[in-house]
Each structure stands twice: as C-alpha cells, then as structure tokens.
Amino acid sequence: MDVLNAVLPILLYVFGIVLLIVLIILGIRMIQFLDKVDRLVDNVEEKVNSLDNFFDILDKTGYGLTVIGDKTIGLISGIISKIFNKNRKDEEDNYE
C-alpha cells in the first residue's frame, strides 16, 4: 500500500505534465492554422470586393432593361386597349 501511495502521485504528475505539453503543442498548431485561415479569408474578401463593381453594373443594366421592358409593355398594352375600346365604341354606336 505504501508503494501505491508513493508511485501514484508521481504517475499523475508525469501524465499531467505530458498532457500539458500536448495541449501547448495543439494550441500552437491551432494558432498557426487560424493564421492560414485568416489569410485565406482575407484573400477571398479581396477577390469578392473586386467583383462588387461588376455586380453593380449588372444590377444597373438589369434595372434599366426592366424599365425599358415595362415602358414597352405599357405602350403596347395601351395601343391594344385603344384598338379594342374603339371597336367596342363602334359596336355600341351600331346598337343605338
């Protein structure tokens, strides 16, 4: 029993020291990994920001095409409604 009382604390201290060293090594590796990820994210952010102008141009072009399309459709529907309303007026005049 006396041997266990002397050996077990020494084993616990040794395992504690080994665990502490392993955790320090893993922490250092994690810091290096996070630095690489940070550089990668910065690189991706720069590339995305360089495309912002392109997407702004696409948005403005799409908005312009939408406005032109809406005006064209409004004009065509106005012409068609005038034609059909004229025919209805002619038919109403014929019935009177």
Protein backbone atom coordinates (compact mmCIF):
# COMPACT_ATOMS: atom_id res chain seq x y z
CA MET A 1 0.00 0.00 0.00
CA ASP A 2 2.88 2.31 0.77
CA VAL A 3 4.27 1.69 -2.70
CA LEU A 4 0.98 2.77 -4.32
CA ASN A 5 0.89 5.93 -2.19
CA ALA A 6 4.36 6.82 -3.46
CA VAL A 7 4.01 5.75 -7.10
CA LEU A 8 0.50 7.01 -7.98
CA PRO A 9 1.16 10.73 -7.33
CA ILE A 10 4.35 10.52 -9.39
CA LEU A 11 2.43 8.88 -12.28
CA LEU A 12 -0.30 11.51 -12.04
CA TYR A 13 2.28 14.31 -12.15
CA VAL A 14 4.02 12.74 -15.16
CA PHE A 15 0.71 12.28 -17.04
CA GLY A 16 -0.30 15.84 -16.12
CA ILE A 17 2.97 17.22 -17.47
CA VAL A 18 2.62 15.17 -20.68
CA LEU A 19 -0.98 16.34 -21.09
CA LEU A 20 0.06 19.96 -20.55
CA ILE A 21 2.82 19.66 -23.17
CA VAL A 22 0.42 18.06 -25.67
CA LEU A 23 -2.15 20.82 -25.10
CA ILE A 24 0.50 23.51 -25.59
CA ILE A 25 1.61 21.90 -28.88
CA LEU A 26 -2.02 21.63 -30.05
CA GLY A 27 -2.60 25.28 -29.11
CA ILE A 28 0.42 26.40 -31.14
CA ARG A 29 -0.72 24.32 -34.13
CA MET A 30 -4.23 25.76 -33.81
CA ILE A 31 -2.85 29.31 -33.83
CA GLN A 32 -0.84 28.56 -36.99
CA PHE A 33 -3.91 27.01 -38.61
CA LEU A 34 -6.07 30.03 -37.73
CA ASP A 35 -3.44 32.35 -39.21
CA LYS A 36 -3.60 30.44 -42.51
CA VAL A 37 -7.40 30.55 -42.46
CA ASP A 38 -7.30 34.30 -41.76
CA ARG A 39 -5.03 34.87 -44.76
CA LEU A 40 -7.31 32.76 -46.93
CA VAL A 41 -10.41 34.68 -45.82
CA ASP A 42 -8.66 38.00 -46.48
CA ASN A 43 -7.73 36.80 -49.98
CA VAL A 44 -11.30 35.71 -50.71
CA GLU A 45 -12.64 39.00 -49.36
CA GLU A 46 -10.33 40.97 -51.68
CA LYS A 47 -11.50 38.95 -54.68
CA VAL A 48 -15.16 39.40 -53.76
CA ASN A 49 -14.69 43.13 -53.29
CA SER A 50 -13.07 43.36 -56.72
CA LEU A 51 -16.26 41.88 -58.21
CA ASP A 52 -18.57 44.39 -56.48
CA ASN A 53 -18.25 46.89 -59.34
CA PHE A 54 -19.13 44.18 -61.85
CA PHE A 55 -22.26 43.23 -59.93
CA ASP A 56 -23.24 46.89 -59.56
CA ILE A 57 -23.04 47.27 -63.35
CA LEU A 58 -25.16 44.13 -63.78
CA ASP A 59 -27.75 45.46 -61.33
CA LYS A 60 -27.96 48.82 -63.10
CA THR A 61 -28.19 47.15 -66.50
CA GLY A 62 -30.91 44.79 -65.27
CA TYR A 63 -32.83 47.69 -63.76
CA GLY A 64 -32.54 49.66 -67.00
CA LEU A 65 -33.78 46.71 -69.06
CA THR A 66 -36.68 46.27 -66.65
CA VAL A 67 -37.68 49.92 -67.02
CA ILE A 68 -37.45 49.73 -70.81
CA GLY A 69 -39.47 46.49 -70.83
CA ASP A 70 -42.14 47.95 -68.56
CA LYS A 71 -42.49 51.06 -70.72
CA THR A 72 -42.64 48.98 -73.91
CA ILE A 73 -45.28 46.65 -72.46
CA GLY A 74 -47.25 49.64 -71.18
CA LEU A 75 -47.14 51.26 -74.62
CA ILE A 76 -48.18 48.07 -76.42
CA SER A 77 -50.98 47.34 -73.95
CA GLY A 78 -52.18 50.93 -74.28
CA ILE A 79 -52.31 50.65 -78.06
CA ILE A 80 -54.13 47.31 -77.90
CA SER A 81 -56.64 48.62 -75.35
CA LYS A 82 -57.33 51.67 -77.56
CA ILE A 83 -57.96 49.41 -80.55
CA PHE A 84 -60.37 47.19 -78.62
CA ASN A 85 -62.09 50.16 -76.96
CA LYS A 86 -62.54 51.77 -80.39
CA ASN A 87 -64.16 48.57 -81.68
CA ARG A 88 -66.46 48.44 -78.65
CA LYS A 89 -67.49 52.06 -79.17
CA ASP A 90 -68.25 51.31 -82.83
CA GLU A 91 -70.34 48.30 -81.80
CA GLU A 92 -72.21 50.37 -79.17
CA ASP A 93 -72.92 53.07 -81.74
CA ASN A 94 -74.31 50.44 -84.11
CA TYR A 95 -76.74 49.17 -81.49
CA GLU A 96 -78.14 52.59 -80.76
